[in-house]
């Protein structure tokens, strides 16, 4: 099935450690000295990557 193929593919070519690193990179992303266009491009890149490779669950976040 597609789900099995996707799981095996991600396990082999995008290991959990790398995915976790990208999640942290996304969560800690700040514009800093980047232009807005650079920041937006990085944000969109990480969003696309994580939305297709990481199972997200709704989480309550308190600030």
N, C-alpha and C. Protein backbone atom coordinates (compact mmCIF):
# COMPACT_ATOMS: atom_id res chain seq x y z
N UNK A 1 0.84 -1.19 0.00
CA UNK A 1 0.00 0.00 0.00
C UNK A 1 0.88 1.25 0.00
N UNK A 2 0.24 2.38 -0.28
CA UNK A 2 0.96 3.64 -0.31
C UNK A 2 1.52 3.98 1.07
N UNK A 3 0.73 3.76 2.11
CA UNK A 3 1.19 4.07 3.47
C UNK A 3 2.44 3.28 3.83
N UNK A 4 2.47 2.03 3.46
CA UNK A 4 3.64 1.20 3.76
C UNK A 4 4.86 1.68 2.97
N UNK A 5 4.65 1.95 1.68
CA UNK A 5 5.75 2.45 0.85
C UNK A 5 6.32 3.75 1.43
N UNK A 6 5.43 4.67 1.78
CA UNK A 6 5.87 5.96 2.32
C UNK A 6 6.65 5.76 3.61
N UNK A 7 6.16 4.92 4.50
CA UNK A 7 6.84 4.65 5.77
C UNK A 7 8.23 4.09 5.53
N UNK A 8 8.34 3.09 4.66
CA UNK A 8 9.64 2.46 4.39
C UNK A 8 10.59 3.42 3.68
N UNK A 9 10.06 4.20 2.75
CA UNK A 9 10.88 5.17 2.04
C UNK A 9 11.45 6.21 3.00
N UNK A 10 10.59 6.76 3.86
CA UNK A 10 11.05 7.77 4.80
C UNK A 10 12.04 7.21 5.80
N UNK A 11 11.82 5.98 6.23
CA UNK A 11 12.74 5.35 7.17
C UNK A 11 14.13 5.22 6.56
N UNK A 12 14.18 4.87 5.28
CA UNK A 12 15.47 4.66 4.62
C UNK A 12 16.14 5.97 4.21
N UNK A 13 15.37 6.91 3.66
CA UNK A 13 15.97 8.10 3.06
C UNK A 13 15.81 9.38 3.88
N UNK A 14 15.00 9.35 4.92
CA UNK A 14 14.81 10.53 5.77
C UNK A 14 14.59 10.04 7.19
N UNK A 15 15.67 9.59 7.85
CA UNK A 15 15.56 8.95 9.16
C UNK A 15 14.95 9.86 10.23
N UNK A 16 14.45 9.25 11.27
CA UNK A 16 13.78 9.96 12.36
C UNK A 16 14.65 11.05 12.95
N UNK A 17 15.92 10.80 13.14
CA UNK A 17 16.81 11.83 13.70
C UNK A 17 16.85 13.08 12.84
N UNK A 18 16.90 12.88 11.53
CA UNK A 18 16.92 14.02 10.61
C UNK A 18 15.59 14.76 10.65
N UNK A 19 14.48 14.02 10.69
CA UNK A 19 13.16 14.66 10.79
C UNK A 19 13.06 15.47 12.08
N UNK A 20 13.52 14.89 13.19
CA UNK A 20 13.48 15.61 14.46
C UNK A 20 14.32 16.88 14.41
N UNK A 21 15.47 16.80 13.74
CA UNK A 21 16.31 17.99 13.57
C UNK A 21 15.55 19.08 12.80
N UNK A 22 14.83 18.68 11.76
CA UNK A 22 14.06 19.65 10.97
C UNK A 22 12.90 20.24 11.76
N UNK A 23 12.28 19.43 12.63
CA UNK A 23 11.21 19.94 13.49
C UNK A 23 11.77 21.02 14.41
N UNK A 24 12.92 20.75 15.01
CA UNK A 24 13.55 21.73 15.90
C UNK A 24 13.93 22.98 15.11
N UNK A 25 14.48 22.78 13.92
CA UNK A 25 14.84 23.93 13.07
C UNK A 25 13.61 24.78 12.78
N UNK A 26 12.48 24.13 12.49
CA UNK A 26 11.24 24.85 12.22
C UNK A 26 10.76 25.60 13.47
N UNK A 27 10.77 24.93 14.61
CA UNK A 27 10.27 25.53 15.84
C UNK A 27 11.14 26.71 16.30
N UNK A 28 12.41 26.68 15.96
CA UNK A 28 13.33 27.73 16.39
C UNK A 28 13.62 28.76 15.29
N UNK A 29 12.93 28.67 14.17
CA UNK A 29 13.17 29.57 13.05
C UNK A 29 12.86 31.02 13.44
N UNK A 30 13.82 31.87 13.20
CA UNK A 30 13.67 33.30 13.45
C UNK A 30 14.20 34.05 12.23
N UNK A 31 13.63 35.21 11.98
CA UNK A 31 14.05 35.97 10.82
C UNK A 31 15.49 36.46 10.97
N UNK A 32 15.84 36.95 12.14
CA UNK A 32 17.20 37.42 12.36
C UNK A 32 17.64 38.41 11.29
N UNK A 33 18.76 38.14 10.64
CA UNK A 33 19.29 39.06 9.62
C UNK A 33 18.83 38.70 8.21
N UNK A 34 17.95 37.70 8.09
CA UNK A 34 17.44 37.32 6.77
C UNK A 34 16.46 38.38 6.27
N UNK A 35 16.42 38.55 4.95
CA UNK A 35 15.36 39.35 4.36
C UNK A 35 14.04 38.62 4.56
N UNK A 36 12.94 39.35 4.51
CA UNK A 36 11.63 38.73 4.68
C UNK A 36 11.42 37.64 3.64
N UNK A 37 11.85 37.87 2.42
CA UNK A 37 11.68 36.87 1.36
C UNK A 37 12.47 35.59 1.66
N UNK A 38 13.67 35.74 2.22
CA UNK A 38 14.48 34.57 2.59
C UNK A 38 13.83 33.80 3.73
N UNK A 39 13.33 34.54 4.72
CA UNK A 39 12.66 33.92 5.86
C UNK A 39 11.41 33.17 5.39
N UNK A 40 10.62 33.80 4.54
CA UNK A 40 9.40 33.18 4.03
C UNK A 40 9.73 31.92 3.24
N UNK A 41 10.78 31.97 2.43
CA UNK A 41 11.18 30.80 1.64
C UNK A 41 11.61 29.65 2.55
N UNK A 42 12.37 29.94 3.59
CA UNK A 42 12.81 28.91 4.54
C UNK A 42 11.62 28.33 5.29
N UNK A 43 10.71 29.20 5.71
CA UNK A 43 9.50 28.77 6.40
C UNK A 43 8.68 27.83 5.52
N UNK A 44 8.46 28.23 4.28
CA UNK A 44 7.68 27.40 3.35
C UNK A 44 8.38 26.08 3.05
N UNK A 45 9.71 26.10 2.91
CA UNK A 45 10.47 24.88 2.66
C UNK A 45 10.28 23.89 3.82
N UNK A 46 10.44 24.38 5.04
CA UNK A 46 10.30 23.51 6.20
C UNK A 46 8.85 23.03 6.36
N UNK A 47 7.90 23.90 6.10
CA UNK A 47 6.48 23.50 6.18
C UNK A 47 6.19 22.37 5.20
N UNK A 48 6.59 22.54 3.96
CA UNK A 48 6.33 21.50 2.95
C UNK A 48 6.98 20.18 3.35
N UNK A 49 8.21 20.25 3.78
CA UNK A 49 8.94 19.05 4.17
C UNK A 49 8.27 18.35 5.35
N UNK A 50 7.96 19.10 6.38
CA UNK A 50 7.42 18.49 7.59
C UNK A 50 5.98 18.04 7.44
N UNK A 51 5.19 18.76 6.68
CA UNK A 51 3.80 18.35 6.50
C UNK A 51 3.67 17.06 5.71
N UNK A 52 4.66 16.77 4.88
CA UNK A 52 4.59 15.54 4.09
C UNK A 52 5.35 14.38 4.72
N UNK A 53 6.15 14.65 5.75
CA UNK A 53 6.97 13.58 6.31
C UNK A 53 6.76 13.31 7.79
N UNK A 54 6.08 14.20 8.49
CA UNK A 54 5.96 14.06 9.94
C UNK A 54 4.50 13.96 10.34
N UNK A 55 4.15 12.91 11.07
CA UNK A 55 2.76 12.83 11.54
C UNK A 55 2.53 13.87 12.64
N UNK A 56 1.64 14.79 12.37
CA UNK A 56 1.37 15.85 13.33
C UNK A 56 0.10 15.53 14.09
N UNK A 57 0.14 15.77 15.36
CA UNK A 57 -1.04 15.66 16.19
C UNK A 57 -1.33 17.05 16.75
N UNK A 58 -2.60 17.29 16.92
CA UNK A 58 -2.97 18.58 17.49
C UNK A 58 -2.44 18.66 18.92
N UNK A 59 -1.74 19.72 19.21
CA UNK A 59 -1.16 19.89 20.53
C UNK A 59 -1.61 21.23 21.11
N UNK A 60 -1.79 21.23 22.39
CA UNK A 60 -2.12 22.47 23.08
C UNK A 60 -0.80 23.11 23.50
N UNK A 61 -0.64 24.34 23.12
CA UNK A 61 0.60 25.05 23.43
C UNK A 61 0.25 26.23 24.32
N UNK A 62 0.87 26.29 25.47
CA UNK A 62 0.64 27.44 26.35
C UNK A 62 1.85 28.36 26.29
N UNK A 63 1.58 29.62 26.33
CA UNK A 63 2.65 30.62 26.23
C UNK A 63 2.78 31.33 27.56
